[in-house]
């Protein structure tokens, strides 16, 4: 049975795409069949996996969504790219930004992405959705299609405000659109272990939400290595396999697998 995980936080700069990529490739390294779906018009996940010009692609996620909206027949595997590290990718590009406006007038507009995922899910053990940094219609589609939400959160003030807003939105999606939606957990990212501020923020969040939210054991440390991998189109496991960031993502993968 396929598990669909949306990686979401409407605050940008929380290592959302990096976490999506390394979670997906980490699961593939454990023998799982993984599809990564880039749900962000900026195409950050696509770029992180070596797609240098996502706007030049003939087929990407906006193409597929457009065909579903127009009731066109298509091969559900068209447009999927296989990455050298064992995952499949459905890339995205700037066309999604315009398509989001179109979705507003579509019947059952919140379920369009779910229609695609239902078509393709039997081929995979995990589908990871990298959401855009907003709570627009495409993100609502991702939350409606997902089994759970993984929330990357940098331990600083603004991302915490975003976390509170996202939790409210998840509650509304669960109430009206997807009763089975769960929160996979909060993943602290870009953690500067040298500062007391980061430690205090993480402690405060755990004290405030510890009874209702799961916090992953290992935060992802701030590292130049993690910033370098997007330019190379590979995962942290290949770029710096023995580094602290790779070890932290391996810990994340183990926890996610334990929740199967």
Protein backbone atom coordinates (compact mmCIF):
# COMPACT_ATOMS: atom_id res chain seq x y z
CA UNK A 1 0.00 0.00 0.00
CA UNK A 2 1.33 3.42 -0.97
CA UNK A 3 1.83 6.13 1.65
CA UNK A 4 1.55 9.75 0.50
CA UNK A 5 3.48 12.34 2.51
CA UNK A 6 3.09 16.07 1.91
CA UNK A 7 6.11 18.12 2.96
CA UNK A 8 4.68 21.52 3.74
CA UNK A 9 5.34 24.86 5.41
CA UNK A 10 4.07 28.11 3.94
CA UNK A 11 7.15 29.89 5.27
CA UNK A 12 9.93 29.72 2.68
CA UNK A 13 13.55 28.92 3.48
CA UNK A 14 12.89 25.96 5.77
CA UNK A 15 14.79 23.37 3.64
CA UNK A 16 11.50 21.91 2.47
CA UNK A 17 12.71 20.78 -0.97
CA UNK A 18 16.02 19.54 0.42
CA UNK A 19 14.16 17.50 3.03
CA UNK A 20 11.73 16.12 0.44
CA UNK A 21 14.57 14.99 -1.82
CA UNK A 22 16.66 13.40 0.93
CA UNK A 23 13.69 11.72 2.57
CA UNK A 24 12.66 10.26 -0.79
CA UNK A 25 16.13 9.07 -1.77
CA UNK A 26 16.69 7.79 1.75
CA UNK A 27 13.55 5.65 1.45
CA UNK A 28 14.71 4.41 -1.95
CA UNK A 29 18.03 3.40 -0.39
CA UNK A 30 15.98 1.20 1.96
CA UNK A 31 14.47 -0.62 -1.00
CA UNK A 32 11.25 1.38 -1.29
CA UNK A 33 9.68 2.44 -4.59
CA UNK A 34 9.46 6.22 -4.38
CA UNK A 35 7.88 8.93 -6.50
CA UNK A 36 8.71 12.57 -5.76
CA UNK A 37 6.14 15.09 -7.02
CA UNK A 38 7.23 18.71 -7.26
CA UNK A 39 4.15 20.77 -6.35
CA UNK A 40 5.93 24.13 -6.40
CA UNK A 41 5.92 26.43 -9.46
CA UNK A 42 9.47 27.48 -8.55
CA UNK A 43 10.62 23.95 -9.38
CA UNK A 44 13.07 23.75 -6.46
CA UNK A 45 12.77 19.98 -6.08
CA UNK A 46 13.17 19.50 -9.83
CA UNK A 47 16.29 21.66 -9.86
CA UNK A 48 17.65 19.78 -6.83
CA UNK A 49 17.39 16.55 -8.82
CA UNK A 50 19.23 17.90 -11.84
CA UNK A 51 16.41 19.34 -13.98
CA UNK A 52 18.21 22.49 -15.07
CA UNK A 53 15.44 24.10 -17.13
CA UNK A 54 12.08 22.91 -15.77
CA UNK A 55 10.25 25.67 -17.68
CA UNK A 56 11.43 24.07 -20.96
CA UNK A 57 9.91 20.65 -20.21
CA UNK A 58 7.21 19.42 -22.57
CA UNK A 59 5.45 17.55 -19.78
CA UNK A 60 5.42 18.45 -16.09
CA UNK A 61 2.89 18.45 -13.26
CA UNK A 62 0.90 21.41 -14.68
CA UNK A 63 0.48 19.46 -17.95
CA UNK A 64 -0.96 16.48 -16.08
CA UNK A 65 -3.26 18.61 -13.93
CA UNK A 66 -4.47 20.41 -17.05
CA UNK A 67 -5.36 17.10 -18.70
CA UNK A 68 -7.30 15.98 -15.63
CA UNK A 69 -9.22 19.27 -15.54
CA UNK A 70 -10.10 18.89 -19.23
CA UNK A 71 -10.99 15.18 -18.90
CA UNK A 72 -8.31 14.19 -21.42
CA UNK A 73 -6.99 10.65 -21.53
CA UNK A 74 -3.29 10.23 -20.83
CA UNK A 75 -0.69 7.72 -19.70
CA UNK A 76 -0.23 8.31 -15.97
CA UNK A 77 3.52 7.64 -16.31
CA UNK A 78 4.14 10.28 -18.96
CA UNK A 79 6.50 13.03 -17.84
CA UNK A 80 8.04 11.00 -15.01
CA UNK A 81 11.83 11.19 -14.87
CA UNK A 82 13.98 8.48 -13.28
CA UNK A 83 16.85 9.79 -11.15
CA UNK A 84 20.16 7.95 -10.87
CA UNK A 85 19.71 7.48 -7.10
CA UNK A 86 16.64 5.29 -7.49
CA UNK A 87 13.67 7.65 -7.24
CA UNK A 88 11.17 8.81 -9.84
CA UNK A 89 10.32 12.48 -10.24
CA UNK A 90 7.29 14.30 -11.59
CA UNK A 91 8.83 17.74 -12.18
CA UNK A 92 7.10 21.11 -12.02
CA UNK A 93 7.53 24.53 -13.60
CA UNK A 94 6.20 28.09 -13.64
CA UNK A 95 3.02 27.05 -15.48
CA UNK A 96 1.63 25.81 -12.18
CA UNK A 97 1.29 29.40 -10.94
CA UNK A 98 -1.21 30.23 -13.69
CA UNK A 99 -2.95 26.88 -13.35
CA UNK A 100 -3.63 27.56 -9.67
CA UNK A 101 -5.96 30.37 -10.71
CA UNK A 102 -7.75 28.02 -13.11
CA UNK A 103 -8.36 25.53 -10.32
CA UNK A 104 -10.58 28.01 -8.51
CA UNK A 105 -13.36 27.43 -11.05
CA UNK A 106 -12.99 23.63 -11.31
CA UNK A 107 -15.59 21.27 -9.83
CA UNK A 108 -14.14 19.32 -6.87
CA UNK A 109 -11.09 21.50 -7.28
CA UNK A 110 -9.43 20.22 -4.09
CA UNK A 111 -9.30 16.64 -5.44
CA UNK A 112 -7.57 17.13 -8.81
CA UNK A 113 -4.09 16.08 -7.60
CA UNK A 114 -5.62 13.15 -5.71
CA UNK A 115 -7.07 11.87 -8.99
CA UNK A 116 -3.57 11.68 -10.45
CA UNK A 117 -2.08 10.10 -7.33
CA UNK A 118 -4.84 7.46 -7.26
CA UNK A 119 -3.90 6.56 -10.85
CA UNK A 120 -0.19 6.12 -10.13
CA UNK A 121 -0.03 5.02 -6.49
CA UNK A 122 -0.04 1.26 -7.09
CA UNK A 123 3.42 1.57 -8.65
CA UNK A 124 4.98 3.02 -5.47
CA UNK A 125 5.46 2.45 -1.76
CA UNK A 126 5.88 6.16 -1.02
CA UNK A 127 4.88 9.35 -2.81
CA UNK A 128 6.45 12.55 -1.48
CA UNK A 129 4.77 15.87 -2.33
CA UNK A 130 7.00 18.94 -2.11
CA UNK A 131 4.49 21.75 -1.52
CA UNK A 132 4.95 25.40 -2.44
CA UNK A 133 5.55 27.93 0.37
CA UNK A 134 1.91 29.05 0.52
CA UNK A 135 -1.48 27.74 1.53
CA UNK A 136 -3.01 28.18 -1.94
CA UNK A 137 -5.15 25.79 -3.94
CA UNK A 138 -2.28 23.52 -5.03
CA UNK A 139 -1.14 23.05 -1.42
CA UNK A 140 -4.73 22.30 -0.38
CA UNK A 141 -4.78 19.71 -3.19
CA UNK A 142 -1.61 18.15 -1.77
CA UNK A 143 -3.03 18.01 1.76
CA UNK A 144 -6.27 16.50 0.45
CA UNK A 145 -4.30 13.79 -1.40
CA UNK A 146 -1.88 13.03 1.44
CA UNK A 147 -1.99 10.47 4.22
CA UNK A 148 0.24 12.62 6.39
CA UNK A 149 2.09 15.95 6.55
CA UNK A 150 5.76 16.36 7.41
CA UNK A 151 6.51 19.92 8.55
CA UNK A 152 10.07 21.24 8.18
CA UNK A 153 10.54 24.10 10.62
CA UNK A 154 13.56 26.30 11.19
CA UNK A 155 13.86 27.12 14.91
CA UNK A 156 13.31 30.88 14.65
CA UNK A 157 10.34 33.21 15.16
CA UNK A 158 8.78 33.56 11.69
CA UNK A 159 8.74 29.85 10.80
CA UNK A 160 7.05 29.17 14.14
CA UNK A 161 4.27 31.61 13.26
CA UNK A 162 3.93 29.74 9.95
CA UNK A 163 3.77 26.45 11.83
CA UNK A 164 0.80 27.64 13.86
CA UNK A 165 -1.05 28.75 10.70
CA UNK A 166 -0.32 25.45 8.97
CA UNK A 167 -1.65 23.42 11.90
CA UNK A 168 -4.92 25.38 11.70
CA UNK A 169 -5.13 24.72 7.94
CA UNK A 170 -4.42 21.01 8.42
CA UNK A 171 -7.27 20.91 10.93
CA UNK A 172 -9.66 22.46 8.39
CA UNK A 173 -8.55 20.08 5.62
CA UNK A 174 -9.06 17.14 7.98
CA UNK A 175 -12.55 18.39 8.89
CA UNK A 176 -13.84 19.17 5.41
CA UNK A 177 -11.72 17.33 2.81
CA UNK A 178 -9.55 14.51 4.17
CA UNK A 179 -10.58 12.99 7.49
CA UNK A 180 -7.65 10.56 7.46
CA UNK A 181 -4.96 13.26 7.26
CA UNK A 182 -2.36 13.01 10.01
CA UNK A 183 0.70 15.02 10.96
CA UNK A 184 3.77 12.84 10.39
CA UNK A 185 5.85 15.13 12.53
CA UNK A 186 7.79 18.36 12.82
CA UNK A 187 11.36 18.28 11.50
CA UNK A 188 13.68 20.98 12.78
CA UNK A 189 15.90 22.16 9.92
CA UNK A 190 18.86 24.53 9.48
CA UNK A 191 19.56 24.06 13.17
CA UNK A 192 22.47 26.09 14.50
CA UNK A 193 23.49 24.05 17.51
CA UNK A 194 25.90 26.76 18.64
CA UNK A 195 23.18 29.23 19.62
CA UNK A 196 21.04 29.14 22.73
CA UNK A 197 18.23 30.82 20.75
CA UNK A 198 17.71 27.77 18.54
CA UNK A 199 17.78 25.46 21.53
CA UNK A 200 15.29 27.63 23.44
CA UNK A 201 12.88 27.77 20.48
CA UNK A 202 12.98 23.98 20.02
CA UNK A 203 12.43 23.44 23.74
CA UNK A 204 9.51 25.90 23.78
CA UNK A 205 7.83 24.23 20.81
CA UNK A 206 8.18 20.76 22.29
CA UNK A 207 6.73 21.97 25.58
CA UNK A 208 3.83 23.71 23.80
CA UNK A 209 2.96 21.01 21.25
CA UNK A 210 4.62 17.90 22.63
CA UNK A 211 1.35 16.21 23.55
CA UNK A 212 -0.29 16.78 20.16
CA UNK A 213 2.62 16.72 17.70
CA UNK A 214 5.47 14.32 17.03
CA UNK A 215 8.91 15.92 16.84
CA UNK A 216 11.54 13.92 14.97
CA UNK A 217 14.47 12.95 17.17
CA UNK A 218 17.20 14.45 15.02
CA UNK A 219 17.09 17.99 13.65
CA UNK A 220 18.87 18.76 10.40
CA UNK A 221 21.96 20.82 11.22
CA UNK A 222 22.89 23.98 9.37
CA UNK A 223 25.63 23.06 6.92
CA UNK A 224 27.30 24.33 3.77
CA UNK A 225 27.24 20.73 2.52
CA UNK A 226 23.44 20.74 2.49
CA UNK A 227 23.44 23.94 0.42
CA UNK A 228 25.84 22.47 -2.15
CA UNK A 229 23.80 19.43 -3.17
CA UNK A 230 21.11 21.34 -5.09
CA UNK A 231 23.72 22.66 -7.51
CA UNK A 232 24.96 19.12 -8.15
CA UNK A 233 21.55 17.47 -8.56
CA UNK A 234 22.32 14.69 -6.06
CA UNK A 235 21.40 13.76 -2.50
CA UNK A 236 23.39 14.42 0.65
CA UNK A 237 24.06 10.65 0.86
CA UNK A 238 26.09 10.81 -2.33
CA UNK A 239 27.63 14.23 -1.73
CA UNK A 240 28.73 13.78 1.88
CA UNK A 241 27.69 10.29 3.06
CA UNK A 242 29.46 10.41 6.42
CA UNK A 243 28.58 14.01 7.28
CA UNK A 244 26.24 15.13 10.05
CA UNK A 245 23.47 16.16 7.63
CA UNK A 246 23.41 12.72 5.99
CA UNK A 247 23.27 11.05 9.39
CA UNK A 248 20.36 13.29 10.42
CA UNK A 249 18.38 12.45 7.29
CA UNK A 250 19.07 8.74 7.80
CA UNK A 251 17.54 9.10 11.27
CA UNK A 252 14.48 10.78 9.71
CA UNK A 253 14.08 7.94 7.23
CA UNK A 254 14.20 5.33 10.03
CA UNK A 255 11.46 7.16 11.94
CA UNK A 256 9.25 7.45 8.88
CA UNK A 257 9.70 3.74 8.14
CA UNK A 258 8.82 2.94 11.75
CA UNK A 259 5.47 4.69 11.21
CA UNK A 260 4.45 2.35 8.36
